[in-house]
Protein backbone atom coordinates (compact mmCIF):
# COMPACT_ATOMS: atom_id res chain seq x y z
CA ILE A 1 -54.50 0.38 117.44
CA LEU A 2 -52.37 2.31 114.95
CA PRO A 3 -54.05 4.37 112.21
CA ALA A 4 -53.52 3.41 108.58
CA PRO A 5 -51.13 5.60 106.57
CA THR A 6 -54.05 6.72 104.39
CA LYS A 7 -55.91 7.80 107.52
CA VAL A 8 -52.89 9.79 108.70
CA LEU A 9 -52.51 11.55 105.34
CA SER A 10 -56.23 12.29 105.25
CA THR A 11 -56.07 13.75 108.73
CA LEU A 12 -53.02 15.80 107.80
CA TYR A 13 -54.99 17.31 104.93
CA LYS A 14 -58.07 18.01 107.05
CA GLU A 15 -56.08 19.44 109.97
CA ALA A 16 -53.75 21.48 107.75
CA PRO A 17 -55.20 24.91 108.71
CA ILE A 18 -54.95 24.13 112.45
CA LEU A 19 -51.51 22.59 112.10
CA TRP A 20 -50.36 25.63 110.11
CA ASP A 21 -51.41 28.00 112.90
CA HIS A 22 -49.56 25.92 115.49
CA SER A 23 -46.57 25.57 113.15
CA LEU A 24 -46.19 29.35 112.96
CA VAL A 25 -45.85 29.49 116.75
CA THR A 26 -43.29 26.68 116.78
CA LEU A 27 -41.38 28.26 113.89
CA SER A 28 -41.15 31.63 115.65
CA GLU A 29 -39.66 29.94 118.72
CA THR A 30 -37.33 27.88 116.55
CA VAL A 31 -36.00 30.77 114.48
CA ALA A 32 -35.39 32.92 117.56
CA GLY A 33 -33.60 30.11 119.39
CA LEU A 34 -31.52 29.09 116.38
CA PHE A 35 -30.45 32.69 115.72
CA ILE A 36 -29.32 33.13 119.32
CA ALA A 37 -27.54 29.76 119.25
CA VAL A 38 -25.61 30.70 116.09
CA ILE A 39 -24.46 34.05 117.49
CA LEU A 40 -23.37 32.58 120.83
CA ALA A 41 -21.73 29.55 119.20
CA MET A 42 -19.70 31.66 116.78
CA ILE A 43 -18.49 33.98 119.53
CA LEU A 44 -17.53 31.08 121.79
CA ALA A 45 -15.86 29.15 118.95
CA ILE A 46 -13.70 32.16 118.05
CA LEU A 47 -12.69 32.58 121.69
CA MET A 48 -11.86 28.88 121.91
CA ASP A 49 -9.73 29.13 118.78
CA ALA A 50 -7.97 32.29 119.92
CA PHE A 51 -7.21 31.15 123.47
CA GLY A 52 -6.06 27.55 123.91
CA LEU A 53 -6.35 27.68 127.70
CA PHE A 54 -9.94 28.88 127.44
CA LYS A 55 -10.74 26.01 125.06
CA SER A 56 -9.21 23.47 127.45
CA ALA A 57 -11.34 24.84 130.27
CA ILE A 58 -14.66 25.23 128.46
CA TYR A 59 -14.65 22.17 126.17
CA PRO A 60 -15.30 19.59 128.96
CA LEU A 61 -18.17 21.75 130.23
CA LEU A 62 -19.73 21.78 126.78
CA VAL A 63 -19.52 18.00 126.59
CA VAL A 64 -21.03 17.59 130.06
CA SER A 65 -23.87 19.94 129.14
CA GLN A 66 -24.91 17.53 126.39
CA THR A 67 -25.24 14.62 128.81
CA ILE A 68 -28.10 16.34 130.65
CA PRO A 69 -31.49 15.62 129.01
CA VAL A 70 -33.23 18.79 127.90
CA ILE A 71 -36.53 17.38 129.16
CA VAL A 72 -35.06 17.62 132.67
CA LEU A 73 -33.89 21.22 132.28
CA ALA A 74 -37.04 22.53 130.60
CA PRO A 75 -39.14 22.56 133.82
CA LEU A 76 -36.40 24.60 135.51
CA PHE A 77 -36.53 27.12 132.67
CA ILE A 78 -40.26 27.48 133.23
CA ILE A 79 -39.75 28.11 136.95
CA TYR A 80 -37.19 30.85 136.31
CA LEU A 81 -38.51 32.34 133.05
CA GLY A 82 -42.25 31.81 133.31
CA PHE A 83 -44.70 30.28 130.86
CA GLY A 84 -44.04 32.57 127.89
CA MET A 85 -41.85 32.17 124.85
CA ALA A 86 -38.51 32.42 126.67
CA PRO A 87 -38.32 28.81 128.02
CA LYS A 88 -39.01 27.36 124.56
CA VAL A 89 -36.40 29.59 122.94
CA LEU A 90 -33.82 28.63 125.56
CA THR A 91 -34.58 24.94 124.98
CA VAL A 92 -33.90 25.41 121.27
CA VAL A 93 -30.66 27.25 122.06
CA LEU A 94 -29.40 24.39 124.22
CA MET A 95 -30.22 21.75 121.59
CA CYS A 96 -28.65 23.72 118.71
CA PHE A 97 -25.65 25.32 120.40
CA PHE A 98 -23.30 22.34 120.76
CA PRO A 99 -23.03 21.06 117.14
CA ILE A 100 -22.48 24.59 115.84
CA VAL A 101 -19.73 25.60 118.26
CA ILE A 102 -17.86 22.29 117.95
CA SER A 103 -18.02 22.18 114.15
CA PHE A 104 -16.99 25.81 113.76
CA SER A 105 -14.17 25.52 116.29
CA ASP A 106 -12.80 22.37 114.64
CA GLY A 107 -13.02 24.01 111.22
CA MET A 108 -10.87 26.94 112.30
CA ALA A 109 -8.41 24.64 114.08
CA GLN A 110 -7.82 22.67 110.85
CA LEU A 111 -6.79 25.76 108.90
CA ASP A 112 -3.24 25.74 107.54
CA VAL A 113 -1.18 27.91 109.89
CA ASN A 114 0.90 29.14 106.94
CA GLN A 115 -2.09 31.05 105.61
CA VAL A 116 -2.44 32.88 108.93
CA ASN A 117 1.29 33.61 109.05
CA LEU A 118 1.20 34.99 105.52
CA ALA A 119 -1.65 37.34 106.40
CA ARG A 120 0.15 38.53 109.52
CA SER A 121 3.32 39.13 107.52
CA PHE A 122 1.33 41.61 105.45
CA GLY A 123 0.24 43.39 108.62
CA ALA A 124 -3.18 41.81 109.15
CA GLY A 125 -4.55 42.25 112.64
CA TRP A 126 -6.54 39.84 114.80
CA ALA A 127 -9.91 40.89 113.38
CA GLN A 128 -8.65 40.75 109.79
CA VAL A 129 -7.21 37.27 110.24
CA TYR A 130 -10.57 35.96 111.40
CA GLY A 131 -12.69 38.05 109.04
CA LEU A 132 -10.70 37.36 105.88
CA ILE A 133 -9.14 33.95 106.46
CA LYS A 134 -10.32 31.82 109.36
CA ILE A 135 -14.08 32.38 109.26
CA PRO A 136 -14.41 31.95 105.45
CA ALA A 137 -12.16 28.88 105.55
CA ALA A 138 -14.22 27.34 108.37
CA ALA A 139 -17.55 28.13 106.65
CA PRO A 140 -18.09 24.52 105.44
CA SER A 141 -17.65 23.22 108.99
CA LEU A 142 -19.90 25.96 110.36
CA PHE A 143 -22.71 25.07 107.98
CA SER A 144 -22.26 21.35 108.63
CA GLY A 145 -22.99 21.97 112.29
CA LEU A 146 -25.75 24.42 111.42
CA LYS A 147 -27.52 21.83 109.26
CA VAL A 148 -27.56 19.40 112.17
CA ALA A 149 -28.72 22.11 114.57
CA ALA A 150 -31.47 23.29 112.21
CA THR A 151 -32.83 19.75 111.99
CA TYR A 152 -32.92 19.47 115.81
CA SER A 153 -34.31 22.97 116.33
CA ILE A 154 -37.96 22.10 115.70
CA THR A 155 -37.71 19.22 118.17
CA GLY A 156 -36.32 21.58 120.81
CA ALA A 157 -39.29 23.91 120.45
CA VAL A 158 -41.73 21.00 120.59
CA VAL A 159 -40.14 19.68 123.80
CA GLY A 160 -40.55 23.08 125.40
CA GLU A 161 -44.19 23.22 124.31
CA TRP A 162 -44.89 19.83 125.84
CA LEU A 163 -44.27 21.24 129.31
CA SER A 164 -45.99 24.62 129.13
CA ALA A 165 -47.81 26.12 126.18
CA ASP A 166 -51.22 27.06 124.90
CA SER A 167 -50.23 26.86 121.23
CA GLY A 168 -47.62 25.25 119.01
CA LEU A 169 -47.14 21.77 117.59
CA GLY A 170 -46.01 20.38 120.95
CA TYR A 171 -49.19 21.65 122.61
CA TYR A 172 -51.30 20.27 119.77
CA MET A 173 -49.63 16.87 119.95
CA LEU A 174 -50.07 16.64 123.70
CA ARG A 175 -53.75 17.59 123.45
CA VAL A 176 -54.63 15.04 120.75
CA LYS A 177 -52.55 12.35 122.49
CA ASN A 178 -54.53 12.80 125.67
CA GLY A 179 -57.68 12.44 123.58
CA PHE A 180 -56.33 9.19 122.06
CA MET A 181 -56.65 10.68 118.55
CA LEU A 182 -53.68 8.80 117.16
CA ASP A 183 -54.30 9.80 113.56
CA LYS A 184 -53.84 13.43 114.58
CA VAL A 185 -50.74 12.53 116.59
CA PHE A 186 -49.10 10.98 113.54
CA ALA A 187 -50.26 13.89 111.38
CA CYS A 188 -48.50 16.24 113.80
CA VAL A 189 -45.37 14.08 113.61
CA LEU A 190 -45.43 14.42 109.83
CA ALA A 191 -45.77 18.18 110.18
CA ILE A 192 -42.73 18.25 112.50
CA ILE A 193 -40.73 16.17 110.00
CA ILE A 194 -41.67 18.52 107.16
CA LEU A 195 -40.69 21.60 109.17
CA SER A 196 -37.37 20.02 110.20
CA LEU A 197 -36.53 19.24 106.58
CA MET A 198 -37.52 22.78 105.62
CA MET A 199 -35.18 24.24 108.25
CA ASN A 200 -32.36 22.09 106.90
CA GLY A 201 -33.16 23.22 103.38
CA VAL A 202 -33.16 26.90 104.37
CA VAL A 203 -29.67 26.49 105.84
CA ARG A 204 -28.46 24.89 102.61
CA ILE A 205 -29.86 27.75 100.56
CA LEU A 206 -28.31 30.28 102.93
CA GLN A 207 -24.96 28.52 102.59
CA TYR A 208 -25.02 28.77 98.80
CA VAL A 209 -26.13 32.41 98.89
CA LEU A 210 -23.49 33.58 101.36
CA PHE A 211 -20.67 31.30 100.16
CA PRO A 212 -21.28 30.46 96.48
CA TYR A 213 -17.80 28.96 96.13
CA LEU A 214 -18.89 26.08 98.39
CA ARG A 215 -21.49 25.09 95.81
CA GLN A 216 -18.80 24.92 93.15
CA GLN A 217 -16.67 22.72 95.40
CA ASN A 218 -19.60 20.33 95.98
CA VAL A 219 -20.23 20.08 92.23
CA GLU A 220 -16.56 19.31 91.52
CA GLU A 221 -16.52 16.62 94.21
């Protein structure tokens, strides 16, 4: 019933050009959704850190939003947004948004208040406190959430493609599954795993490029 691992690897090699074309579609949806998720998560996390009442009001809603399966919401996105790229991007945003905003918000909340008071004593304004102190200090937490989100991002795009698409890894997987070509199904799964690991790796590289001092801290630890 199940294909041998050698058969799966052989199929992965033979189907590589087709899988590459579908991977480009999935990657475009993933990158767009992840970028939007990061921007929205950072803005919301800063607002949650700046206004305690706002955090108390919005935090339970964020938790509740994660209890709703994305596979249930995706058909609604298609009804409202059509069959184009938008529903897949929105699915990625929903899957990636939560770990980023929670990690970043918690990172800023754990900052020593004396550092903020010192900056304000020198006349630093609201934007300077966040730009010079809070955001850099919370960078490790931000990238921790971003690594998790980047790993999930490919899955979010694939889920969206399962429901409505004419290209992408989700569309490919659904087509070969309906044809009972299990070797191609497992080859597609391997492609998804590889892309997910690549997304995680890109985030790690970006972390070391933007915040090189974090790499030094990891080496010392």
